[in-house]
Amino acid sequence: SLFLADERPLKSNTGTSAFEADDTSDSGLGAEYVEPAYPHDEPPKGRYLASFNDQLIVTGNDLKPNTVFFSDETPEYFPKDSHSFDLLEKATGAHQTAEVLACGTRNTISVVSGDLRNFAFRVEKIGDNIGVTSHDSMKEAMEGVLMFASYKGPYVLTGGRDLRPLGAGADPKTGKLASRLEPYFRT
């Protein structure tokens, strides 16, 4: 059988078209097919997207809520189930800061460092009972300083290692309360 190669409208008021078929049969089409270098599998479904070292990160999958998926060398290529790792509980967000990927859950925040492309990475839990309430709350205030909302209040992760709360704190020189947020918003 032959397939439709082109459809051209006629220059008439009848509204009909002329059809043209090529001379290649369906059975001969396989000989002309070239396998792509990377198969384009459908990316995993997820609620939260992030970027880490030019790779696409997907978290918040309904079927695998603890799993963090990452793309291969090109952001649009996701090998089926091989490019992923699991967190201790359901992921609530992810964001790159400094040279690490911060992955939040309700009760923990973990940082991923290393090379995801070559599977030479490690996942390290940074805080106990300090999690991320929302992916949208994860914002980088300045290079290497990630702020996020926790169920215990706002927190800041500096350099991918130092985790501390934000809010009012006593100034040791004056004894007055001063905002710990202020230094991050100075220009």
N, C-alpha and C. Protein backbone atom coordinates (compact mmCIF):
# COMPACT_ATOMS: atom_id res chain seq x y z
N SER A 1 0.83 -1.18 0.00
CA SER A 1 0.00 0.00 0.00
C SER A 1 0.88 1.24 0.00
N LEU A 2 0.35 2.32 -0.48
CA LEU A 2 1.08 3.58 -0.54
C LEU A 2 0.46 4.56 0.45
N PHE A 3 1.22 5.59 0.83
CA PHE A 3 0.68 6.54 1.79
C PHE A 3 0.62 7.93 1.16
N LEU A 4 -0.16 8.79 1.78
CA LEU A 4 -0.37 10.14 1.27
C LEU A 4 0.89 10.97 1.46
N ALA A 5 1.42 11.54 0.42
CA ALA A 5 2.62 12.35 0.49
C ALA A 5 2.30 13.83 0.46
N ASP A 6 1.23 14.22 -0.23
CA ASP A 6 0.95 15.64 -0.40
C ASP A 6 -0.53 15.85 -0.70
N GLU A 7 -1.07 16.92 -0.22
CA GLU A 7 -2.44 17.30 -0.54
C GLU A 7 -2.42 18.75 -0.99
N ARG A 8 -2.94 19.02 -2.15
CA ARG A 8 -2.93 20.37 -2.70
C ARG A 8 -4.35 20.80 -3.04
N PRO A 9 -4.76 21.97 -2.55
CA PRO A 9 -6.10 22.45 -2.92
C PRO A 9 -6.11 22.91 -4.38
N LEU A 10 -7.19 22.63 -5.04
CA LEU A 10 -7.35 23.07 -6.43
C LEU A 10 -7.75 24.53 -6.46
N LYS A 11 -7.41 25.19 -7.54
CA LYS A 11 -7.78 26.59 -7.70
C LYS A 11 -9.16 26.67 -8.32
N SER A 12 -10.12 26.20 -7.58
CA SER A 12 -11.50 26.25 -8.08
C SER A 12 -12.42 26.53 -6.91
N ASN A 13 -13.63 26.78 -7.19
CA ASN A 13 -14.61 27.06 -6.14
C ASN A 13 -15.33 25.80 -5.66
N THR A 14 -14.87 24.63 -6.10
CA THR A 14 -15.57 23.40 -5.71
C THR A 14 -15.16 22.93 -4.33
N GLY A 15 -14.01 23.41 -3.80
CA GLY A 15 -13.57 22.98 -2.48
C GLY A 15 -12.96 21.60 -2.47
N THR A 16 -12.67 21.02 -3.61
CA THR A 16 -12.06 19.70 -3.64
C THR A 16 -10.55 19.85 -3.66
N SER A 17 -9.86 18.76 -3.41
CA SER A 17 -8.40 18.75 -3.37
C SER A 17 -7.88 17.68 -4.30
N ALA A 18 -6.64 17.85 -4.71
CA ALA A 18 -5.95 16.83 -5.49
C ALA A 18 -5.00 16.09 -4.55
N PHE A 19 -4.96 14.77 -4.64
CA PHE A 19 -4.10 13.97 -3.78
C PHE A 19 -2.99 13.35 -4.61
N GLU A 20 -1.84 13.22 -3.99
CA GLU A 20 -0.70 12.65 -4.69
C GLU A 20 -0.04 11.63 -3.76
N ALA A 21 0.23 10.45 -4.21
CA ALA A 21 0.89 9.42 -3.42
C ALA A 21 2.29 9.21 -3.98
N ASP A 22 3.23 8.87 -3.07
CA ASP A 22 4.58 8.60 -3.56
C ASP A 22 4.69 7.15 -4.02
N ASP A 23 5.86 6.76 -4.48
CA ASP A 23 6.03 5.41 -5.02
C ASP A 23 6.71 4.47 -4.04
N THR A 24 6.79 4.82 -2.75
CA THR A 24 7.39 3.95 -1.74
C THR A 24 6.27 3.20 -1.03
N SER A 25 6.39 1.89 -1.00
CA SER A 25 5.38 1.10 -0.31
C SER A 25 5.64 1.14 1.20
N ASP A 26 4.63 0.80 1.99
CA ASP A 26 4.78 0.79 3.45
C ASP A 26 5.88 -0.16 3.89
N SER A 27 6.01 -1.30 3.26
CA SER A 27 7.03 -2.28 3.65
C SER A 27 8.43 -1.76 3.37
N GLY A 28 8.60 -0.81 2.47
CA GLY A 28 9.92 -0.27 2.17
C GLY A 28 10.33 0.89 3.06
N LEU A 29 9.43 1.34 3.94
CA LEU A 29 9.76 2.48 4.79
C LEU A 29 10.79 2.14 5.86
N GLY A 30 10.84 0.93 6.34
CA GLY A 30 11.78 0.53 7.39
C GLY A 30 13.22 0.69 6.97
N ALA A 31 13.53 0.50 5.71
CA ALA A 31 14.90 0.61 5.24
C ALA A 31 15.42 2.03 5.33
N GLU A 32 14.52 3.01 5.31
CA GLU A 32 14.93 4.40 5.37
C GLU A 32 14.97 4.94 6.81
N TYR A 33 14.49 4.18 7.80
CA TYR A 33 14.43 4.63 9.19
C TYR A 33 15.81 4.58 9.84
N VAL A 34 16.20 5.65 10.49
CA VAL A 34 17.46 5.72 11.22
C VAL A 34 17.13 5.85 12.70
N GLU A 35 17.66 4.94 13.50
CA GLU A 35 17.43 4.96 14.95
C GLU A 35 18.08 6.22 15.54
N PRO A 36 17.36 7.02 16.34
CA PRO A 36 17.97 8.22 16.92
C PRO A 36 19.05 7.84 17.94
N ALA A 37 20.02 8.73 18.12
CA ALA A 37 21.11 8.47 19.07
C ALA A 37 20.57 8.29 20.48
N TYR A 38 19.57 9.11 20.84
CA TYR A 38 18.93 8.99 22.14
C TYR A 38 17.45 8.76 21.92
N PRO A 39 16.89 7.69 22.46
CA PRO A 39 15.44 7.54 22.35
C PRO A 39 14.78 8.63 23.21
N HIS A 40 13.69 9.12 22.76
CA HIS A 40 13.01 10.18 23.50
C HIS A 40 11.85 9.59 24.27
N ASP A 41 12.18 8.96 25.41
CA ASP A 41 11.15 8.44 26.28
C ASP A 41 10.39 9.63 26.88
N GLU A 42 9.17 9.38 27.21
CA GLU A 42 8.37 10.42 27.85
C GLU A 42 8.95 10.72 29.22
N PRO A 43 9.13 11.98 29.58
CA PRO A 43 9.66 12.27 30.92
C PRO A 43 8.68 11.84 32.00
N PRO A 44 9.18 11.55 33.19
CA PRO A 44 8.26 11.16 34.26
C PRO A 44 7.36 12.32 34.64
N LYS A 45 6.19 12.00 35.11
CA LYS A 45 5.27 13.04 35.56
C LYS A 45 5.68 13.46 36.96
N GLY A 46 5.50 14.73 37.24
CA GLY A 46 5.84 15.23 38.56
C GLY A 46 5.30 16.63 38.76
N ARG A 47 5.17 17.01 40.01
CA ARG A 47 4.64 18.34 40.34
C ARG A 47 5.71 19.42 40.34
N TYR A 48 6.97 19.05 40.61
CA TYR A 48 8.01 20.04 40.82
C TYR A 48 9.16 19.82 39.84
N LEU A 49 9.57 20.92 39.20
CA LEU A 49 10.69 20.88 38.25
C LEU A 49 11.80 21.77 38.77
N ALA A 50 13.03 21.33 38.55
CA ALA A 50 14.20 22.12 38.91
C ALA A 50 15.29 21.83 37.89
N SER A 51 16.34 22.61 37.93
CA SER A 51 17.49 22.40 37.06
C SER A 51 18.72 22.24 37.94
N PHE A 52 19.56 21.27 37.61
CA PHE A 52 20.80 21.05 38.35
C PHE A 52 21.89 20.69 37.34
N ASN A 53 22.86 21.57 37.20
CA ASN A 53 23.97 21.36 36.26
C ASN A 53 23.48 21.02 34.85
N ASP A 54 22.53 21.80 34.37
CA ASP A 54 21.95 21.65 33.03
C ASP A 54 21.18 20.35 32.84
N GLN A 55 20.76 19.73 33.91
CA GLN A 55 19.91 18.55 33.84
C GLN A 55 18.57 18.91 34.44
N LEU A 56 17.51 18.34 33.89
CA LEU A 56 16.17 18.58 34.39
C LEU A 56 15.89 17.63 35.55
N ILE A 57 15.37 18.16 36.64
CA ILE A 57 15.03 17.39 37.84
C ILE A 57 13.51 17.39 37.96
N VAL A 58 12.92 16.22 38.18
CA VAL A 58 11.48 16.09 38.35
C VAL A 58 11.21 15.37 39.67
N THR A 59 10.40 16.00 40.54
CA THR A 59 9.99 15.37 41.80
C THR A 59 8.47 15.52 41.93
N GLY A 60 7.92 14.85 42.91
CA GLY A 60 6.48 14.96 43.16
C GLY A 60 5.64 14.05 42.28
N ASN A 61 6.19 12.90 41.91
CA ASN A 61 5.45 11.93 41.10
C ASN A 61 4.42 11.23 42.00
N ASP A 62 3.18 11.08 41.52
CA ASP A 62 2.13 10.46 42.32
C ASP A 62 2.39 8.98 42.60
N LEU A 63 2.96 8.27 41.64
CA LEU A 63 3.21 6.84 41.82
C LEU A 63 4.48 6.55 42.61
N LYS A 64 5.46 7.44 42.51
CA LYS A 64 6.72 7.29 43.23
C LYS A 64 7.03 8.61 43.94
N PRO A 65 6.32 8.93 45.02
CA PRO A 65 6.44 10.25 45.65
C PRO A 65 7.80 10.52 46.30
N ASN A 66 8.55 9.49 46.65
CA ASN A 66 9.86 9.67 47.29
C ASN A 66 10.99 9.80 46.27
N THR A 67 10.70 9.59 44.99
CA THR A 67 11.73 9.49 43.97
C THR A 67 12.03 10.84 43.33
N VAL A 68 13.32 11.09 43.13
CA VAL A 68 13.81 12.25 42.39
C VAL A 68 14.35 11.73 41.07
N PHE A 69 13.77 12.17 39.96
CA PHE A 69 14.20 11.75 38.62
C PHE A 69 15.10 12.83 38.03
N PHE A 70 16.10 12.41 37.27
CA PHE A 70 16.96 13.39 36.59
C PHE A 70 17.21 12.95 35.16
N SER A 71 17.37 13.94 34.29
CA SER A 71 17.57 13.67 32.87
C SER A 71 19.00 13.23 32.61
N ASP A 72 19.22 12.78 31.39
CA ASP A 72 20.57 12.40 30.96
C ASP A 72 21.31 13.68 30.56
N GLU A 73 22.24 13.56 29.65
CA GLU A 73 23.04 14.71 29.23
C GLU A 73 22.21 15.81 28.61
N THR A 74 21.15 15.46 27.94
CA THR A 74 20.26 16.46 27.38
C THR A 74 19.01 16.52 28.25
N PRO A 75 18.53 17.72 28.56
CA PRO A 75 17.40 17.84 29.49
C PRO A 75 16.12 17.14 29.03
N GLU A 76 15.98 16.91 27.73
CA GLU A 76 14.73 16.30 27.25
C GLU A 76 14.77 14.77 27.26
N TYR A 77 15.91 14.16 27.62
CA TYR A 77 16.02 12.71 27.57
C TYR A 77 16.00 12.12 28.98
N PHE A 78 15.00 11.31 29.27
CA PHE A 78 14.86 10.62 30.54
C PHE A 78 14.86 9.12 30.29
N PRO A 79 15.95 8.40 30.58
CA PRO A 79 15.90 6.94 30.48
C PRO A 79 14.88 6.40 31.47
N LYS A 80 14.21 5.35 31.08
CA LYS A 80 13.13 4.82 31.93
C LYS A 80 13.68 4.26 33.24
N ASP A 81 13.29 4.90 34.33
CA ASP A 81 13.55 4.47 35.72
C ASP A 81 15.01 4.29 36.10
N SER A 82 15.97 4.52 35.22
CA SER A 82 17.36 4.30 35.62
C SER A 82 18.01 5.55 36.19
N HIS A 83 17.50 6.72 35.85
CA HIS A 83 18.08 7.96 36.32
C HIS A 83 17.23 8.53 37.45
N SER A 84 17.40 7.97 38.65
CA SER A 84 16.60 8.43 39.79
C SER A 84 17.25 7.98 41.08
N PHE A 85 16.83 8.59 42.17
CA PHE A 85 17.21 8.14 43.51
C PHE A 85 16.04 8.46 44.42
N ASP A 86 16.01 7.82 45.58
CA ASP A 86 14.89 7.97 46.51
C ASP A 86 15.29 8.77 47.74
N LEU A 87 14.36 9.57 48.21
CA LEU A 87 14.49 10.27 49.48
C LEU A 87 13.81 9.44 50.55
N LEU A 88 13.95 9.83 51.81
CA LEU A 88 13.38 9.05 52.91
C LEU A 88 11.86 9.14 52.96
N GLU A 89 11.31 10.22 52.44
CA GLU A 89 9.86 10.40 52.43
C GLU A 89 9.45 11.20 51.21
N LYS A 90 8.18 11.51 51.11
CA LYS A 90 7.62 12.20 49.94
C LYS A 90 8.31 13.54 49.68
N ALA A 91 8.77 13.75 48.45
CA ALA A 91 9.44 14.99 48.07
C ALA A 91 8.46 16.15 48.04
N THR A 92 8.91 17.30 48.57
CA THR A 92 8.08 18.51 48.54
C THR A 92 8.71 19.62 47.70
N GLY A 93 9.89 19.37 47.13
CA GLY A 93 10.51 20.37 46.28
C GLY A 93 12.00 20.12 46.09
N ALA A 94 12.58 20.85 45.13
CA ALA A 94 14.01 20.76 44.84
C ALA A 94 14.47 22.08 44.23
N HIS A 95 15.73 22.45 44.53
CA HIS A 95 16.28 23.70 44.00
C HIS A 95 17.80 23.63 44.06
N GLN A 96 18.46 24.12 43.02
CA GLN A 96 19.92 24.16 43.03
C GLN A 96 20.39 25.38 43.80
N THR A 97 21.39 25.19 44.63
CA THR A 97 22.04 26.29 45.33
C THR A 97 23.51 25.94 45.46
N ALA A 98 24.36 26.92 45.24
CA ALA A 98 25.81 26.69 45.20
C ALA A 98 26.08 25.55 44.22
N GLU A 99 26.78 24.55 44.63
CA GLU A 99 27.09 23.41 43.75
C GLU A 99 26.30 22.17 44.12
N VAL A 100 25.21 22.34 44.87
CA VAL A 100 24.41 21.20 45.31
C VAL A 100 22.95 21.37 44.89
N LEU A 101 22.24 20.27 44.90
CA LEU A 101 20.80 20.26 44.69
C LEU A 101 20.16 20.02 46.04
N ALA A 102 19.36 20.97 46.51
CA ALA A 102 18.65 20.82 47.77
C ALA A 102 17.31 20.15 47.49
N CYS A 103 17.05 19.03 48.15
CA CYS A 103 15.80 18.29 47.98
C CYS A 103 15.06 18.28 49.32
N GLY A 104 13.85 18.78 49.31
CA GLY A 104 13.09 18.88 50.54
C GLY A 104 12.00 17.83 50.64
N THR A 105 11.75 17.42 51.87
CA THR A 105 10.60 16.61 52.22
C THR A 105 9.91 17.33 53.38
N ARG A 106 8.85 16.77 53.90
CA ARG A 106 8.14 17.44 54.99
C ARG A 106 9.01 17.57 56.24
N ASN A 107 9.86 16.59 56.51
CA ASN A 107 10.62 16.58 57.76
C ASN A 107 12.13 16.66 57.60
N THR A 108 12.64 16.66 56.39
CA THR A 108 14.09 16.71 56.19
C THR A 108 14.44 17.56 54.98
N ILE A 109 15.68 17.97 54.94
CA ILE A 109 16.23 18.57 53.72
C ILE A 109 17.55 17.85 53.47
N SER A 110 17.73 17.42 52.23
CA SER A 110 18.93 16.70 51.83
C SER A 110 19.61 17.46 50.72
N VAL A 111 20.93 17.32 50.63
CA VAL A 111 21.66 17.94 49.53
C VAL A 111 22.31 16.84 48.71
N VAL A 112 22.28 17.05 47.41
CA VAL A 112 22.88 16.11 46.46
C VAL A 112 24.09 16.81 45.88
N SER A 113 25.24 16.17 45.97
CA SER A 113 26.46 16.74 45.40
C SER A 113 27.10 15.70 44.50
N GLY A 114 27.86 16.18 43.54
CA GLY A 114 28.55 15.27 42.62
C GLY A 114 28.00 15.37 41.22
N ASP A 115 28.22 14.30 40.46
CA ASP A 115 27.90 14.25 39.04
C ASP A 115 26.78 13.25 38.79
N LEU A 116 25.57 13.76 38.55
CA LEU A 116 24.43 12.88 38.28
C LEU A 116 24.61 12.12 36.96
N ARG A 117 25.22 12.77 35.96
CA ARG A 117 25.37 12.15 34.63
C ARG A 117 26.11 10.82 34.69
N ASN A 118 27.13 10.78 35.55
CA ASN A 118 27.96 9.58 35.65
C ASN A 118 27.64 8.76 36.90
N PHE A 119 26.55 9.08 37.56
CA PHE A 119 26.12 8.38 38.78
C PHE A 119 27.18 8.43 39.88
N ALA A 120 27.96 9.50 39.89
CA ALA A 120 28.99 9.70 40.93
C ALA A 120 28.51 10.83 41.84
N PHE A 121 27.47 10.55 42.61
CA PHE A 121 26.89 11.56 43.48
C PHE A 121 26.54 10.95 44.82
N ARG A 122 26.33 11.83 45.80
CA ARG A 122 25.88 11.36 47.11
C ARG A 122 24.76 12.24 47.61
N VAL A 123 23.87 11.63 48.37
CA VAL A 123 22.73 12.32 48.97
C VAL A 123 22.98 12.36 50.47
N GLU A 124 23.01 13.56 51.02
CA GLU A 124 23.32 13.73 52.44
C GLU A 124 22.18 14.49 53.12
N LYS A 125 21.65 13.91 54.19
CA LYS A 125 20.60 14.58 54.96
C LYS A 125 21.24 15.66 55.82
N ILE A 126 20.72 16.90 55.70
CA ILE A 126 21.31 18.03 56.41
C ILE A 126 20.59 18.32 57.73
N GLY A 127 19.28 18.33 57.73
CA GLY A 127 18.54 18.70 58.94
C GLY A 127 17.56 17.64 59.37
N ASP A 128 17.46 17.44 60.68
CA ASP A 128 16.43 16.57 61.24
C ASP A 128 15.24 17.42 61.65
N ASN A 129 14.06 16.96 61.33
CA ASN A 129 12.82 17.64 61.68
C ASN A 129 12.75 19.08 61.15
N ILE A 130 13.50 19.37 60.10
CA ILE A 130 13.42 20.66 59.41
C ILE A 130 13.21 20.32 57.95
N GLY A 131 12.01 20.52 57.46
CA GLY A 131 11.70 20.17 56.09
C GLY A 131 11.27 21.38 55.28
N VAL A 132 10.74 21.10 54.11
CA VAL A 132 10.31 22.14 53.19
C VAL A 132 8.80 22.02 53.01
N THR A 133 8.08 23.09 53.27
CA THR A 133 6.62 23.04 53.15
C THR A 133 6.17 23.08 51.70
N SER A 134 6.92 23.80 50.86
CA SER A 134 6.47 24.01 49.50
C SER A 134 7.66 24.22 48.56
N HIS A 135 7.57 23.63 47.39
CA HIS A 135 8.59 23.84 46.36
C HIS A 135 8.69 25.32 46.00
N ASP A 136 7.56 26.00 45.96
CA ASP A 136 7.54 27.42 45.60
C ASP A 136 8.22 28.30 46.63
N SER A 137 8.39 27.82 47.85
CA SER A 137 9.04 28.63 48.88
C SER A 137 10.56 28.60 48.76
N MET A 138 11.11 27.69 47.97
CA MET A 138 12.56 27.56 47.85
C MET A 138 13.07 28.62 46.87
N LYS A 139 13.75 29.64 47.42
CA LYS A 139 14.25 30.75 46.63
C LYS A 139 15.71 31.03 46.98
N GLU A 140 16.51 31.27 45.96
CA GLU A 140 17.90 31.63 46.19
C GLU A 140 17.99 33.14 46.33
N ALA A 141 18.32 33.61 47.55
CA ALA A 141 18.38 35.04 47.82
C ALA A 141 19.63 35.66 47.21
N MET A 142 20.71 34.93 47.21
CA MET A 142 21.97 35.34 46.60
C MET A 142 22.75 34.06 46.31
N GLU A 143 23.85 34.18 45.62
CA GLU A 143 24.63 33.00 45.23
C GLU A 143 24.94 32.13 46.46
N GLY A 144 24.45 30.91 46.45
CA GLY A 144 24.74 29.96 47.52
C GLY A 144 23.89 30.10 48.77
N VAL A 145 22.88 30.97 48.75
CA VAL A 145 22.02 31.18 49.92
C VAL A 145 20.59 30.84 49.52
N LEU A 146 20.09 29.72 50.00
CA LEU A 146 18.74 29.27 49.68
C LEU A 146 17.83 29.46 50.88
N MET A 147 16.73 30.16 50.67
CA MET A 147 15.73 30.34 51.72
C MET A 147 14.53 29.47 51.39
N PHE A 148 13.87 28.96 52.43
CA PHE A 148 12.68 28.14 52.22
C PHE A 148 11.81 28.17 53.47
N ALA A 149 10.55 27.86 53.27
CA ALA A 149 9.60 27.79 54.38
C ALA A 149 9.59 26.37 54.93
N SER A 150 9.69 26.29 56.24
CA SER A 150 9.63 25.01 56.95
C SER A 150 8.42 25.08 57.87
N TYR A 151 7.99 23.94 58.37
CA TYR A 151 6.89 23.94 59.33
C TYR A 151 7.31 24.56 60.66
N LYS A 152 8.62 24.76 60.83
CA LYS A 152 9.13 25.42 62.03
C LYS A 152 9.47 26.88 61.77
N GLY A 153 9.08 27.39 60.60
CA GLY A 153 9.36 28.78 60.24
C GLY A 153 10.34 28.85 59.08
N PRO A 154 10.75 30.06 58.70
CA PRO A 154 11.67 30.20 57.58
C PRO A 154 13.09 29.77 57.96
N TYR A 155 13.77 29.15 57.00
CA TYR A 155 15.14 28.69 57.19
C TYR A 155 16.00 29.12 56.03
N VAL A 156 17.31 29.11 56.25
CA VAL A 156 18.26 29.42 55.19
C VAL A 156 19.32 28.32 55.16
N LEU A 157 19.67 27.92 53.94
CA LEU A 157 20.73 26.94 53.70
C LEU A 157 21.83 27.69 52.97
N THR A 158 22.99 27.80 53.59
CA THR A 158 24.11 28.55 53.02
C THR A 158 25.20 27.59 52.57
N GLY A 159 25.62 27.75 51.32
CA GLY A 159 26.70 26.93 50.79
C GLY A 159 26.36 25.45 50.71
N GLY A 160 25.10 25.12 50.81
CA GLY A 160 24.68 23.73 50.74
C GLY A 160 25.00 22.92 51.98
N ARG A 161 25.46 23.58 53.05
CA ARG A 161 25.85 22.85 54.26
C ARG A 161 25.30 23.45 55.55
N ASP A 162 25.33 24.78 55.66
CA ASP A 162 24.96 25.45 56.90
C ASP A 162 23.47 25.75 56.90
N LEU A 163 22.73 25.09 57.78
CA LEU A 163 21.28 25.25 57.88
C LEU A 163 20.96 25.96 59.18
N ARG A 164 20.21 27.07 59.10
CA ARG A 164 19.84 27.79 60.32
C ARG A 164 18.50 28.49 60.13
N PRO A 165 17.82 28.77 61.24
CA PRO A 165 16.52 29.45 61.15
C PRO A 165 16.69 30.93 60.85
N LEU A 166 15.65 31.52 60.30
CA LEU A 166 15.60 32.96 60.08
C LEU A 166 14.59 33.56 61.04
N GLY A 167 14.66 34.85 61.21
CA GLY A 167 13.72 35.53 62.07
C GLY A 167 14.44 36.42 63.05
N ALA A 168 13.74 36.79 64.09
CA ALA A 168 14.32 37.70 65.06
C ALA A 168 15.40 37.01 65.87
N GLY A 169 16.52 37.69 66.04
CA GLY A 169 17.62 37.20 66.86
C GLY A 169 18.21 38.35 67.63
N ALA A 170 18.79 38.11 68.77
CA ALA A 170 19.34 39.18 69.59
C ALA A 170 20.71 39.59 69.06
N ASP A 171 20.91 40.89 68.94
CA ASP A 171 22.22 41.44 68.56
C ASP A 171 23.08 41.40 69.82
N PRO A 172 24.21 40.66 69.81
CA PRO A 172 25.01 40.52 71.03
C PRO A 172 25.59 41.85 71.52
N LYS A 173 25.80 42.83 70.64
CA LYS A 173 26.39 44.11 71.05
C LYS A 173 25.37 45.01 71.75
N THR A 174 24.17 45.07 71.20
CA THR A 174 23.17 45.99 71.74
C THR A 174 22.10 45.30 72.57
N GLY A 175 21.94 44.00 72.39
CA GLY A 175 20.90 43.28 73.10
C GLY A 175 19.54 43.45 72.47
N LYS A 176 19.46 44.26 71.40
CA LYS A 176 18.19 44.49 70.72
C LYS A 176 17.93 43.37 69.73
N LEU A 177 16.65 43.16 69.45
CA LEU A 177 16.28 42.17 68.45
C LEU A 177 16.55 42.73 67.06
N ALA A 178 17.12 41.91 66.21
CA ALA A 178 17.40 42.32 64.83
C ALA A 178 17.01 41.18 63.91
N SER A 179 16.57 41.52 62.75
CA SER A 179 16.14 40.50 61.79
C SER A 179 17.34 39.81 61.18
N ARG A 180 17.31 38.50 61.13
CA ARG A 180 18.37 37.75 60.45
C ARG A 180 18.16 37.75 58.94
N LEU A 181 17.02 38.23 58.49
CA LEU A 181 16.76 38.32 57.06
C LEU A 181 17.47 39.51 56.42
N GLU A 182 17.65 40.56 57.19
CA GLU A 182 18.17 41.81 56.64
C GLU A 182 19.47 41.67 55.86
N PRO A 183 20.49 40.94 56.32
CA PRO A 183 21.73 40.86 55.55
C PRO A 183 21.56 40.26 54.17
N TYR A 184 20.56 39.44 53.96
CA TYR A 184 20.37 38.79 52.66
C TYR A 184 19.70 39.69 51.66
N PHE A 185 19.06 40.77 52.12
CA PHE A 185 18.36 41.65 51.21
C PHE A 185 19.05 42.99 51.03
N ARG A 186 20.21 43.17 51.68
CA ARG A 186 21.00 44.39 51.47
C ARG A 186 21.64 44.32 50.09
N THR A 187 21.80 45.48 49.47
CA THR A 187 22.44 45.52 48.15
C THR A 187 23.82 46.10 48.23
